[in-house]
Amino acid sequence: MRLAITGSTGLVGSEVVTVLSAAGHEVVRLVRRAPAPGEKAVRWDPERGEVDAAGLEGLDAVVHLAGENIASGRWNAARKAVIRDSRVTGSRFLCETLAGLARPPKTLVCASAIGYYGDRGADVLTEESSPGAGFLPEVCREWEAATTPAARKGIRIVALRIGMVLSPRGGALARMLPLFRAGLGGVIGSGRQYVSWVALDDLPHIILHALQRGDLRGPVNAVAPGPVTNREFTEALGKALSRPTPLPVPAFALRLAVGGEMADALLLASARVFPRRLEETGYRFRFPELGVALRHLLGKGETP
C-alpha cells in the first residue's frame, strides 16, 4: 500500500510511520518545507492553501493526523481559533485537494477526538452517542464535517475519535511522570471523572486496521476497552511506579492554574468511551488493561 501521512513528526505520527513502514507499506510524508532530494515527501501548507497535488496522485490511502496541540498553552480567543483552524481548515483543504485528483485515494483515515462527546459523567458512550456541548465538541463536529468533499468523491472516510494517548515520550502521561515519580501525584478534582485512554503501541495498529478493513467507515472510537476513573488511573500509575499518590489536586486550583474552560474540558470532564466499532470488526488490543499498559510503557512489564 502506498499512502501519505500528515503530522508525521508528532508523537502519534512518527510511531505510525515506523509501524507502517515496518509492515512493508510505502509512506509519503506531507511536510511544510521543500522536500530533500530523494525524500519521500510532498510539500503542503494548509494555511496558505498550497500543496503539490501531483505528488498525491495514485495513492491508496491518506492518514491525516496534523493539528495544533490543544494543551500546549492557556486557552483564549486567539488560541482557540488556532486550535480550530488547524483542524477544520487544514482538513477541508486536504479533502478538497484529494477530491480534485484524477486518481484519488480509496481511503482517508482522519484524526478526530473523544472530545466530540463532551462531559458526560458515567454515561456509556459509543460511536452512535450524540455530541456534547462546548468548545471541544464543536471543534470535533466541524473537524469531522470537513471531510465531506472527500466523501462526496467516493473516498471511504474513517474518523478516528482518539482518546488520551499514553506514552512516556509525550502527551499527558509524560507531563504526569515527574510529579508521580517524586511521590507528589494525586487524584484530580473529584476523581470520579472517566478517562478514556489508548496506549501509543496500539494506535498505529488501529490505524492500519482502519486502512485494511474496507467495511469500516465513519466514526471509530480509538480507545482501549477499559475506561477508568481518574482515581483508578491515579492508583494504577502510582502502583506501576511503586510510589504513593497522596496529594489530591482540587478543581478550583486547576481552574486557577490553566483557566476554567480549559480545566473543565481537559482535566475535569468525564467521557466513558468504548471502542464498539473496533471490536465489531475484530481488532485485538495489545493493551486492553491500564495496569499492564502502564507497566509496559514504563519498562516494567513484558510486551504481549
C-alpha atoms as a PDB file:
ATOM      1  CA  MET A   1       0.000   0.000   0.000  1.00  0.00           C
ATOM      2  CA  ARG A   2       1.248   3.494  -0.883  1.00  0.00           C
ATOM      3  CA  LEU A   3      -0.049   6.135   1.472  1.00  0.00           C
ATOM      4  CA  ALA A   4       0.553   9.701   2.602  1.00  0.00           C
ATOM      5  CA  ILE A   5       0.536  10.952   6.167  1.00  0.00           C
ATOM      6  CA  THR A   6       0.233  14.411   7.676  1.00  0.00           C
ATOM      7  CA  GLY A   7       1.519  15.163  11.163  1.00  0.00           C
ATOM      8  CA  SER A   8       4.267  12.606  10.618  1.00  0.00           C
ATOM      9  CA  THR A   9       6.718  14.207  13.062  1.00  0.00           C
ATOM     10  CA  GLY A  10       4.336  14.272  16.023  1.00  0.00           C
ATOM     11  CA  LEU A  11       4.116  11.768  18.869  1.00  0.00           C
ATOM     12  CA  VAL A  12       1.494   9.648  17.099  1.00  0.00           C
ATOM     13  CA  GLY A  13       2.566  10.336  13.524  1.00  0.00           C
ATOM     14  CA  SER A  14       6.186   9.277  13.995  1.00  0.00           C
ATOM     15  CA  GLU A  15       5.053   5.997  15.529  1.00  0.00           C
ATOM     16  CA  VAL A  16       2.573   5.432  12.700  1.00  0.00           C
ATOM     17  CA  VAL A  17       5.304   5.990  10.093  1.00  0.00           C
ATOM     18  CA  THR A  18       7.558   3.467  11.852  1.00  0.00           C
ATOM     19  CA  VAL A  19       4.890   0.772  12.144  1.00  0.00           C
ATOM     20  CA  LEU A  20       3.501   1.150   8.621  1.00  0.00           C
ATOM     21  CA  SER A  21       6.968   1.234   7.066  1.00  0.00           C
ATOM     22  CA  ALA A  22       7.968  -1.877   9.017  1.00  0.00           C
ATOM     23  CA  ALA A  23       4.843  -3.605   7.694  1.00  0.00           C
ATOM     24  CA  GLY A  24       6.099  -3.043   4.130  1.00  0.00           C
ATOM     25  CA  HIS A  25       3.976  -0.055   3.148  1.00  0.00           C
ATOM     26  CA  GLU A  26       5.366   2.928   1.249  1.00  0.00           C
ATOM     27  CA  VAL A  27       4.871   6.075   3.317  1.00  0.00           C
ATOM     28  CA  VAL A  28       4.948   9.562   1.796  1.00  0.00           C
ATOM     29  CA  ARG A  29       5.104  12.412   4.310  1.00  0.00           C
ATOM     30  CA  LEU A  30       3.250  15.689   3.806  1.00  0.00           C
ATOM     31  CA  VAL A  31       5.640  18.366   5.070  1.00  0.00           C
ATOM     32  CA  ARG A  32       5.631  22.165   5.234  1.00  0.00           C
ATOM     33  CA  ARG A  33       9.147  22.579   3.817  1.00  0.00           C
ATOM     34  CA  ALA A  34      10.740  21.783   0.483  1.00  0.00           C
ATOM     35  CA  PRO A  35      11.455  18.019   0.423  1.00  0.00           C
ATOM     36  CA  ALA A  36      15.094  16.999   0.286  1.00  0.00           C
ATOM     37  CA  PRO A  37      16.335  15.273  -2.887  1.00  0.00           C
ATOM     38  CA  GLY A  38      15.211  11.647  -2.861  1.00  0.00           C
ATOM     39  CA  GLU A  39      12.966  12.139   0.184  1.00  0.00           C
ATOM     40  CA  LYS A  40       9.526  10.520   0.006  1.00  0.00           C
ATOM     41  CA  ALA A  41       7.672  13.692   0.850  1.00  0.00           C
ATOM     42  CA  VAL A  42       5.178  16.160  -0.605  1.00  0.00           C
ATOM     43  CA  ARG A  43       5.137  19.822   0.383  1.00  0.00           C
ATOM     44  CA  TRP A  44       1.921  21.346   1.632  1.00  0.00           C
ATOM     45  CA  ASP A  45       0.960  24.496   3.511  1.00  0.00           C
ATOM     46  CA  PRO A  46      -2.703  24.372   4.505  1.00  0.00           C
ATOM     47  CA  GLU A  47      -2.642  27.870   5.990  1.00  0.00           C
ATOM     48  CA  ARG A  48      -1.690  29.297   2.594  1.00  0.00           C
ATOM     49  CA  GLY A  49      -3.721  26.787   0.609  1.00  0.00           C
ATOM     50  CA  GLU A  50      -0.635  25.402  -1.128  1.00  0.00           C
ATOM     51  CA  VAL A  51       0.094  21.767  -1.950  1.00  0.00           C
ATOM     52  CA  ASP A  52       1.960  19.765  -4.584  1.00  0.00           C
ATOM     53  CA  ALA A  53      -1.184  17.921  -5.660  1.00  0.00           C
ATOM     54  CA  ALA A  54       0.637  15.926  -8.340  1.00  0.00           C
ATOM     55  CA  GLY A  55       2.565  14.147  -5.595  1.00  0.00           C
ATOM     56  CA  LEU A  56      -0.717  12.838  -4.173  1.00  0.00           C
ATOM     57  CA  GLU A  57      -1.943  11.205  -7.385  1.00  0.00           C
ATOM     58  CA  GLY A  58      -2.361   7.443  -7.292  1.00  0.00           C
ATOM     59  CA  LEU A  59      -2.141   6.943  -3.531  1.00  0.00           C
ATOM     60  CA  ASP A  60      -4.011   4.057  -1.956  1.00  0.00           C
ATOM     61  CA  ALA A  61      -4.781   5.970   1.232  1.00  0.00           C
ATOM     62  CA  VAL A  62      -4.104   9.077   3.299  1.00  0.00           C
ATOM     63  CA  VAL A  63      -3.726   9.293   7.084  1.00  0.00           C
ATOM     64  CA  HIS A  64      -4.414  12.812   8.354  1.00  0.00           C
ATOM     65  CA  LEU A  65      -3.068  13.477  11.862  1.00  0.00           C
ATOM     66  CA  ALA A  66      -1.995  17.135  11.717  1.00  0.00           C
ATOM     67  CA  GLY A  67      -3.436  19.531  14.271  1.00  0.00           C
ATOM     68  CA  GLU A  68      -2.334  22.032  16.908  1.00  0.00           C
ATOM     69  CA  ASN A  69      -1.723  20.634  20.408  1.00  0.00           C
ATOM     70  CA  ILE A  70      -4.798  21.599  22.453  1.00  0.00           C
ATOM     71  CA  ALA A  71      -2.895  21.541  25.760  1.00  0.00           C
ATOM     72  CA  SER A  72       0.238  23.485  24.833  1.00  0.00           C
ATOM     73  CA  GLY A  73      -0.973  26.870  26.052  1.00  0.00           C
ATOM     74  CA  ARG A  74      -3.662  28.610  28.096  1.00  0.00           C
ATOM     75  CA  TRP A  75      -6.886  28.987  26.142  1.00  0.00           C
ATOM     76  CA  ASN A  76      -8.010  32.403  24.960  1.00  0.00           C
ATOM     77  CA  ALA A  77      -9.878  33.530  21.869  1.00  0.00           C
ATOM     78  CA  ALA A  78      -6.762  33.563  19.685  1.00  0.00           C
ATOM     79  CA  ARG A  79      -5.504  30.210  20.964  1.00  0.00           C
ATOM     80  CA  LYS A  80      -8.879  28.563  20.414  1.00  0.00           C
ATOM     81  CA  ALA A  81      -9.012  29.934  16.872  1.00  0.00           C
ATOM     82  CA  VAL A  82      -5.623  28.346  16.121  1.00  0.00           C
ATOM     83  CA  ILE A  83      -6.801  25.008  17.553  1.00  0.00           C
ATOM     84  CA  ARG A  84      -9.985  25.091  15.473  1.00  0.00           C
ATOM     85  CA  ASP A  85      -8.394  26.299  12.243  1.00  0.00           C
ATOM     86  CA  SER A  86      -5.514  23.802  12.358  1.00  0.00           C
ATOM     87  CA  ARG A  87      -8.069  21.009  12.345  1.00  0.00           C
ATOM     88  CA  VAL A  88     -11.025  22.289  10.381  1.00  0.00           C
ATOM     89  CA  THR A  89      -9.335  24.462   7.735  1.00  0.00           C
ATOM     90  CA  GLY A  90      -6.459  22.003   7.259  1.00  0.00           C
ATOM     91  CA  SER A  91      -8.787  19.025   6.910  1.00  0.00           C
ATOM     92  CA  ARG A  92     -11.096  20.810   4.485  1.00  0.00           C
ATOM     93  CA  PHE A  93      -8.179  21.925   2.319  1.00  0.00           C
ATOM     94  CA  LEU A  94      -6.732  18.405   2.255  1.00  0.00           C
ATOM     95  CA  CYS A  95     -10.089  16.842   1.410  1.00  0.00           C
ATOM     96  CA  GLU A  96     -10.831  19.356  -1.338  1.00  0.00           C
ATOM     97  CA  THR A  97      -7.394  18.604  -2.786  1.00  0.00           C
ATOM     98  CA  LEU A  98      -7.973  14.843  -2.683  1.00  0.00           C
ATOM     99  CA  ALA A  99     -11.415  15.263  -4.246  1.00  0.00           C
ATOM    100  CA  GLY A 100      -9.854  17.160  -7.148  1.00  0.00           C
ATOM    101  CA  LEU A 101      -7.304  14.491  -8.051  1.00  0.00           C
ATOM    102  CA  ALA A 102      -7.605  12.466 -11.216  1.00  0.00           C
ATOM    103  CA  ARG A 103      -6.632   9.350  -9.213  1.00  0.00           C
ATOM    104  CA  PRO A 104      -7.781   9.971  -5.640  1.00  0.00           C
ATOM    105  CA  PRO A 105      -7.059   7.566  -2.785  1.00  0.00           C
ATOM    106  CA  LYS A 106      -9.647   4.990  -1.833  1.00  0.00           C
ATOM    107  CA  THR A 107      -9.420   5.698   1.908  1.00  0.00           C
ATOM    108  CA  LEU A 108      -8.853   8.641   4.226  1.00  0.00           C
ATOM    109  CA  VAL A 109      -8.252   7.968   7.922  1.00  0.00           C
ATOM    110  CA  CYS A 110      -8.678  11.316   9.647  1.00  0.00           C
ATOM    111  CA  ALA A 111      -7.961  12.021  13.286  1.00  0.00           C
ATOM    112  CA  SER A 112     -10.724  13.333  15.496  1.00  0.00           C
ATOM    113  CA  ALA A 113     -11.049  13.072  19.273  1.00  0.00           C
ATOM    114  CA  ILE A 114     -13.322  11.818  22.034  1.00  0.00           C
ATOM    115  CA  GLY A 115     -13.737  15.495  22.874  1.00  0.00           C
ATOM    116  CA  TYR A 116     -16.685  15.060  20.481  1.00  0.00           C
ATOM    117  CA  TYR A 117     -18.720  13.639  23.377  1.00  0.00           C
ATOM    118  CA  GLY A 118     -18.034  16.407  25.897  1.00  0.00           C
ATOM    119  CA  ASP A 119     -18.552  15.967  29.638  1.00  0.00           C
ATOM    120  CA  ARG A 120     -20.958  13.031  30.042  1.00  0.00           C
ATOM    121  CA  GLY A 121     -20.400  11.679  33.543  1.00  0.00           C
ATOM    122  CA  ALA A 122     -20.722   7.891  33.742  1.00  0.00           C
ATOM    123  CA  ASP A 123     -22.793   7.510  30.559  1.00  0.00           C
ATOM    124  CA  VAL A 124     -21.632   4.710  28.269  1.00  0.00           C
ATOM    125  CA  LEU A 125     -20.520   6.346  25.028  1.00  0.00           C
ATOM    126  CA  THR A 126     -20.194   4.604  21.660  1.00  0.00           C
ATOM    127  CA  GLU A 127     -19.881   5.857  18.091  1.00  0.00           C
ATOM    128  CA  GLU A 128     -23.674   6.245  17.999  1.00  0.00           C
ATOM    129  CA  SER A 129     -23.784   8.606  21.000  1.00  0.00           C
ATOM    130  CA  SER A 130     -24.747  12.225  20.408  1.00  0.00           C
ATOM    131  CA  PRO A 131     -22.173  15.028  20.536  1.00  0.00           C
ATOM    132  CA  GLY A 132     -21.671  17.051  23.667  1.00  0.00           C
ATOM    133  CA  ALA A 133     -21.748  20.813  24.177  1.00  0.00           C
ATOM    134  CA  GLY A 134     -18.862  23.257  24.392  1.00  0.00           C
ATOM    135  CA  PHE A 135     -15.716  24.226  22.524  1.00  0.00           C
ATOM    136  CA  LEU A 136     -14.154  20.782  22.007  1.00  0.00           C
ATOM    137  CA  PRO A 137     -17.357  19.057  20.830  1.00  0.00           C
ATOM    138  CA  GLU A 138     -17.924  21.937  18.399  1.00  0.00           C
ATOM    139  CA  VAL A 139     -14.391  21.634  17.032  1.00  0.00           C
ATOM    140  CA  CYS A 140     -14.716  17.869  16.638  1.00  0.00           C
ATOM    141  CA  ARG A 141     -18.043  18.154  14.812  1.00  0.00           C
ATOM    142  CA  GLU A 142     -16.575  20.706  12.388  1.00  0.00           C
ATOM    143  CA  TRP A 143     -13.374  18.650  12.060  1.00  0.00           C
ATOM    144  CA  GLU A 144     -15.285  15.551  11.003  1.00  0.00           C
ATOM    145  CA  ALA A 145     -17.624  17.538   8.740  1.00  0.00           C
ATOM    146  CA  ALA A 146     -14.591  18.982   6.941  1.00  0.00           C
ATOM    147  CA  THR A 147     -14.056  15.571   5.277  1.00  0.00           C
ATOM    148  CA  THR A 148     -17.297  15.970   3.298  1.00  0.00           C
ATOM    149  CA  PRO A 149     -15.600  16.936  -0.015  1.00  0.00           C
ATOM    150  CA  ALA A 150     -13.604  13.679   0.041  1.00  0.00           C
ATOM    151  CA  ALA A 151     -16.667  11.623   0.979  1.00  0.00           C
ATOM    152  CA  ARG A 152     -18.617  13.121  -1.923  1.00  0.00           C
ATOM    153  CA  LYS A 153     -15.827  11.996  -4.240  1.00  0.00           C
ATOM    154  CA  GLY A 154     -16.388   8.423  -3.042  1.00  0.00           C
ATOM    155  CA  ILE A 155     -13.374   8.215  -0.728  1.00  0.00           C
ATOM    156  CA  ARG A 156     -14.006   5.992   2.303  1.00  0.00           C
ATOM    157  CA  ILE A 157     -13.704   8.127   5.431  1.00  0.00           C
ATOM    158  CA  VAL A 158     -12.751   6.817   8.871  1.00  0.00           C
ATOM    159  CA  ALA A 159     -12.887   9.469  11.618  1.00  0.00           C
ATOM    160  CA  LEU A 160     -10.763   8.210  14.498  1.00  0.00           C
ATOM    161  CA  ARG A 161     -12.043   9.650  17.769  1.00  0.00           C
ATOM    162  CA  ILE A 162      -8.811   9.274  19.705  1.00  0.00           C
ATOM    163  CA  GLY A 163      -8.692   9.167  23.497  1.00  0.00           C
ATOM    164  CA  MET A 164      -5.832  10.139  25.797  1.00  0.00           C
ATOM    165  CA  VAL A 165      -2.725   8.656  24.166  1.00  0.00           C
ATOM    166  CA  LEU A 166      -0.401   7.106  26.751  1.00  0.00           C
ATOM    167  CA  SER A 167       3.331   7.402  26.148  1.00  0.00           C
ATOM    168  CA  PRO A 168       6.241   8.408  28.390  1.00  0.00           C
ATOM    169  CA  ARG A 169       7.667  10.326  25.415  1.00  0.00           C
ATOM    170  CA  GLY A 170       4.923  12.939  25.205  1.00  0.00           C
ATOM    171  CA  GLY A 171       1.361  13.907  25.944  1.00  0.00           C
ATOM    172  CA  ALA A 172      -0.461  13.759  29.268  1.00  0.00           C
ATOM    173  CA  LEU A 173       1.439  10.801  30.731  1.00  0.00           C
ATOM    174  CA  ALA A 174       4.819  12.411  30.107  1.00  0.00           C
ATOM    175  CA  ARG A 175       3.648  15.548  31.946  1.00  0.00           C
ATOM    176  CA  MET A 176       2.420  13.467  34.902  1.00  0.00           C
ATOM    177  CA  LEU A 177       5.503  11.332  35.365  1.00  0.00           C
ATOM    178  CA  PRO A 178       7.823  13.814  37.114  1.00  0.00           C
ATOM    179  CA  LEU A 179       5.255  14.523  39.831  1.00  0.00           C
ATOM    180  CA  PHE A 180       4.296  10.890  40.286  1.00  0.00           C
ATOM    181  CA  ARG A 181       7.921   9.753  40.387  1.00  0.00           C
ATOM    182  CA  ALA A 182       8.516  12.328  43.113  1.00  0.00           C
ATOM    183  CA  GLY A 183       5.617  10.929  45.125  1.00  0.00           C
ATOM    184  CA  LEU A 184       3.575  14.076  44.520  1.00  0.00           C
ATOM    185  CA  GLY A 185       0.883  12.641  42.263  1.00  0.00           C
ATOM    186  CA  GLY A 186      -2.741  12.598  43.275  1.00  0.00           C
ATOM    187  CA  VAL A 187      -6.391  12.495  42.292  1.00  0.00           C
ATOM    188  CA  ILE A 188      -7.641  15.394  40.179  1.00  0.00           C
ATOM    189  CA  GLY A 189     -10.870  17.046  41.268  1.00  0.00           C
ATOM    190  CA  SER A 190     -13.447  14.536  42.484  1.00  0.00           C
ATOM    191  CA  GLY A 191     -11.568  11.633  40.894  1.00  0.00           C
ATOM    192  CA  ARG A 192     -14.886  10.302  39.613  1.00  0.00           C
ATOM    193  CA  GLN A 193     -14.452  11.603  36.055  1.00  0.00           C
ATOM    194  CA  TYR A 194     -13.776   8.892  33.479  1.00  0.00           C
ATOM    195  CA  VAL A 195     -10.557   8.758  31.482  1.00  0.00           C
ATOM    196  CA  SER A 196     -10.717   7.006  28.101  1.00  0.00           C
ATOM    197  CA  TRP A 197      -7.190   6.154  27.024  1.00  0.00           C
ATOM    198  CA  VAL A 198      -5.198   4.211  24.436  1.00  0.00           C
ATOM    199  CA  ALA A 199      -1.580   3.023  24.551  1.00  0.00           C
ATOM    200  CA  LEU A 200       0.630   4.551  21.862  1.00  0.00           C
ATOM    201  CA  ASP A 201       1.625   0.998  20.912  1.00  0.00           C
ATOM    202  CA  ASP A 202      -1.973   0.266  19.885  1.00  0.00           C
ATOM    203  CA  LEU A 203      -2.748   3.401  17.900  1.00  0.00           C
ATOM    204  CA  PRO A 204      -0.685   2.701  14.734  1.00  0.00           C
ATOM    205  CA  HIS A 205      -2.188  -0.779  14.572  1.00  0.00           C
ATOM    206  CA  ILE A 206      -5.673   0.677  14.952  1.00  0.00           C
ATOM    207  CA  ILE A 207      -4.898   2.954  12.002  1.00  0.00           C
ATOM    208  CA  LEU A 208      -3.593   0.003   9.978  1.00  0.00           C
ATOM    209  CA  HIS A 209      -6.778  -1.924  10.860  1.00  0.00           C
ATOM    210  CA  ALA A 210      -8.872   1.015   9.637  1.00  0.00           C
ATOM    211  CA  LEU A 211      -6.902   1.151   6.392  1.00  0.00           C
ATOM    212  CA  GLN A 212      -7.305  -2.548   5.717  1.00  0.00           C
ATOM    213  CA  ARG A 213     -10.959  -3.022   6.684  1.00  0.00           C
ATOM    214  CA  GLY A 214     -12.994  -1.804   3.747  1.00  0.00           C
ATOM    215  CA  ASP A 215     -16.204  -2.207   5.759  1.00  0.00           C
ATOM    216  CA  LEU A 216     -15.075   0.265   8.421  1.00  0.00           C
ATOM    217  CA  ARG A 217     -16.208   3.835   7.808  1.00  0.00           C
ATOM    218  CA  GLY A 218     -17.496   6.818   9.713  1.00  0.00           C
ATOM    219  CA  PRO A 219     -16.633   7.499  13.362  1.00  0.00           C
ATOM    220  CA  VAL A 220     -14.433   4.962  15.157  1.00  0.00           C
ATOM    221  CA  ASN A 221     -13.519   5.302  18.829  1.00  0.00           C
ATOM    222  CA  ALA A 222      -9.767   4.793  19.150  1.00  0.00           C
ATOM    223  CA  VAL A 223      -9.714   3.960  22.849  1.00  0.00           C
ATOM    224  CA  ALA A 224      -8.935   0.860  24.881  1.00  0.00           C
ATOM    225  CA  PRO A 225     -11.959  -1.148  26.057  1.00  0.00           C
ATOM    226  CA  GLY A 226     -11.272  -0.349  29.724  1.00  0.00           C
ATOM    227  CA  PRO A 227     -12.008   3.314  30.560  1.00  0.00           C
ATOM    228  CA  VAL A 228     -11.224   4.130  34.196  1.00  0.00           C
ATOM    229  CA  THR A 229     -11.998   6.893  36.640  1.00  0.00           C
ATOM    230  CA  ASN A 230      -9.310   9.432  37.415  1.00  0.00           C
ATOM    231  CA  ARG A 231      -8.981   7.860  40.863  1.00  0.00           C
ATOM    232  CA  GLU A 232      -8.388   4.436  39.306  1.00  0.00           C
ATOM    233  CA  PHE A 233      -5.901   5.923  36.847  1.00  0.00           C
ATOM    234  CA  THR A 234      -4.024   7.641  39.672  1.00  0.00           C
ATOM    235  CA  GLU A 235      -3.834   4.444  41.690  1.00  0.00           C
ATOM    236  CA  ALA A 236      -2.678   2.410  38.679  1.00  0.00           C
ATOM    237  CA  LEU A 237       0.086   4.886  37.804  1.00  0.00           C
ATOM    238  CA  GLY A 238       1.256   5.074  41.407  1.00  0.00           C
ATOM    239  CA  LYS A 239       1.344   1.294  41.605  1.00  0.00           C
ATOM    240  CA  ALA A 240       3.274   0.997  38.315  1.00  0.00           C
ATOM    241  CA  LEU A 241       5.870   3.419  39.683  1.00  0.00           C
ATOM    242  CA  SER A 242       5.785   1.994  43.234  1.00  0.00           C
ATOM    243  CA  ARG A 243       5.109   5.497  44.527  1.00  0.00           C
ATOM    244  CA  PRO A 244       2.402   6.886  46.841  1.00  0.00           C
ATOM    245  CA  THR A 245      -0.254   9.223  45.428  1.00  0.00           C
ATOM    246  CA  PRO A 246      -1.206  11.288  48.475  1.00  0.00           C
ATOM    247  CA  LEU A 247      -1.816  14.785  47.123  1.00  0.00           C
ATOM    248  CA  PRO A 248      -5.222  15.491  45.592  1.00  0.00           C
ATOM    249  CA  VAL A 249      -5.497  18.463  43.255  1.00  0.00           C
ATOM    250  CA  PRO A 250      -8.749  20.363  43.889  1.00  0.00           C
ATOM    251  CA  ALA A 251     -10.782  21.575  40.949  1.00  0.00           C
ATOM    252  CA  PHE A 252     -10.507  25.228  41.922  1.00  0.00           C
ATOM    253  CA  ALA A 253      -6.696  25.030  41.870  1.00  0.00           C
ATOM    254  CA  LEU A 254      -6.750  23.597  38.341  1.00  0.00           C
ATOM    255  CA  ARG A 255      -9.083  26.333  37.181  1.00  0.00           C
ATOM    256  CA  LEU A 256      -6.779  28.969  38.618  1.00  0.00           C
ATOM    257  CA  ALA A 257      -3.707  27.329  37.067  1.00  0.00           C
ATOM    258  CA  VAL A 258      -4.882  26.812  33.478  1.00  0.00           C
ATOM    259  CA  GLY A 259      -8.181  28.642  33.230  1.00  0.00           C
ATOM    260  CA  GLY A 260     -11.689  27.450  33.957  1.00  0.00           C
ATOM    261  CA  GLU A 261     -12.741  26.444  30.440  1.00  0.00           C
ATOM    262  CA  MET A 262      -9.548  24.526  29.711  1.00  0.00           C
ATOM    263  CA  ALA A 263      -9.549  22.783  33.106  1.00  0.00           C
ATOM    264  CA  ASP A 264     -13.192  21.777  32.790  1.00  0.00           C
ATOM    265  CA  ALA A 265     -12.770  20.479  29.228  1.00  0.00           C
ATOM    266  CA  LEU A 266      -9.431  18.671  29.524  1.00  0.00           C
ATOM    267  CA  LEU A 267      -8.938  17.677  33.160  1.00  0.00           C
ATOM    268  CA  LEU A 268     -12.303  17.580  34.902  1.00  0.00           C
ATOM    269  CA  ALA A 269     -14.614  16.397  32.113  1.00  0.00           C
ATOM    270  CA  SER A 270     -15.763  12.779  32.117  1.00  0.00           C
ATOM    271  CA  ALA A 271     -16.054  10.633  28.980  1.00  0.00           C
ATOM    272  CA  ARG A 272     -16.603   6.882  29.399  1.00  0.00           C
ATOM    273  CA  VAL A 273     -15.971   5.814  25.810  1.00  0.00           C
ATOM    274  CA  PHE A 274     -15.936   2.280  24.382  1.00  0.00           C
ATOM    275  CA  PRO A 275     -14.432   1.067  21.050  1.00  0.00           C
ATOM    276  CA  ARG A 276     -17.525  -0.710  19.751  1.00  0.00           C
ATOM    277  CA  ARG A 277     -16.687  -0.453  16.030  1.00  0.00           C
ATOM    278  CA  LEU A 278     -13.136  -1.725  16.506  1.00  0.00           C
ATOM    279  CA  GLU A 279     -14.346  -4.705  18.491  1.00  0.00           C
ATOM    280  CA  GLU A 280     -17.121  -5.443  15.981  1.00  0.00           C
ATOM    281  CA  THR A 281     -14.573  -5.542  13.155  1.00  0.00           C
ATOM    282  CA  GLY A 282     -12.186  -7.833  15.020  1.00  0.00           C
ATOM    283  CA  TYR A 283      -9.435  -5.529  16.254  1.00  0.00           C
ATOM    284  CA  ARG A 284      -7.486  -7.154  19.097  1.00  0.00           C
ATOM    285  CA  PHE A 285      -5.946  -4.696  21.517  1.00  0.00           C
ATOM    286  CA  ARG A 286      -2.355  -5.251  22.549  1.00  0.00           C
ATOM    287  CA  PHE A 287      -3.017  -3.359  25.770  1.00  0.00           C
ATOM    288  CA  PRO A 288      -6.688  -3.500  26.785  1.00  0.00           C
ATOM    289  CA  GLU A 289      -5.974  -3.146  30.525  1.00  0.00           C
ATOM    290  CA  LEU A 290      -4.499   0.003  32.060  1.00  0.00           C
ATOM    291  CA  GLY A 291      -2.145  -1.558  34.613  1.00  0.00           C
ATOM    292  CA  VAL A 292      -0.493  -3.780  32.020  1.00  0.00           C
ATOM    293  CA  ALA A 293      -0.232  -0.866  29.565  1.00  0.00           C
ATOM    294  CA  LEU A 294       1.438   1.394  32.127  1.00  0.00           C
ATOM    295  CA  ARG A 295       3.930  -1.256  33.207  1.00  0.00           C
ATOM    296  CA  HIS A 296       4.865  -1.865  29.579  1.00  0.00           C
ATOM    297  CA  LEU A 297       5.168   1.829  28.737  1.00  0.00           C
ATOM    298  CA  LEU A 298       7.336   2.432  31.787  1.00  0.00           C
ATOM    299  CA  GLY A 299       9.578  -0.524  31.034  1.00  0.00           C
ATOM    300  CA  LYS A 300       8.312  -2.587  33.941  1.00  0.00           C
ATOM    301  CA  GLY A 301       6.394  -5.270  32.118  1.00  0.00           C
ATOM    302  CA  GLU A 302       6.524  -7.682  29.202  1.00  0.00           C
ATOM    303  CA  THR A 303       5.349  -6.889  25.690  1.00  0.00           C
ATOM    304  CA  PRO A 304       2.400  -9.120  24.838  1.00  0.00           C
END
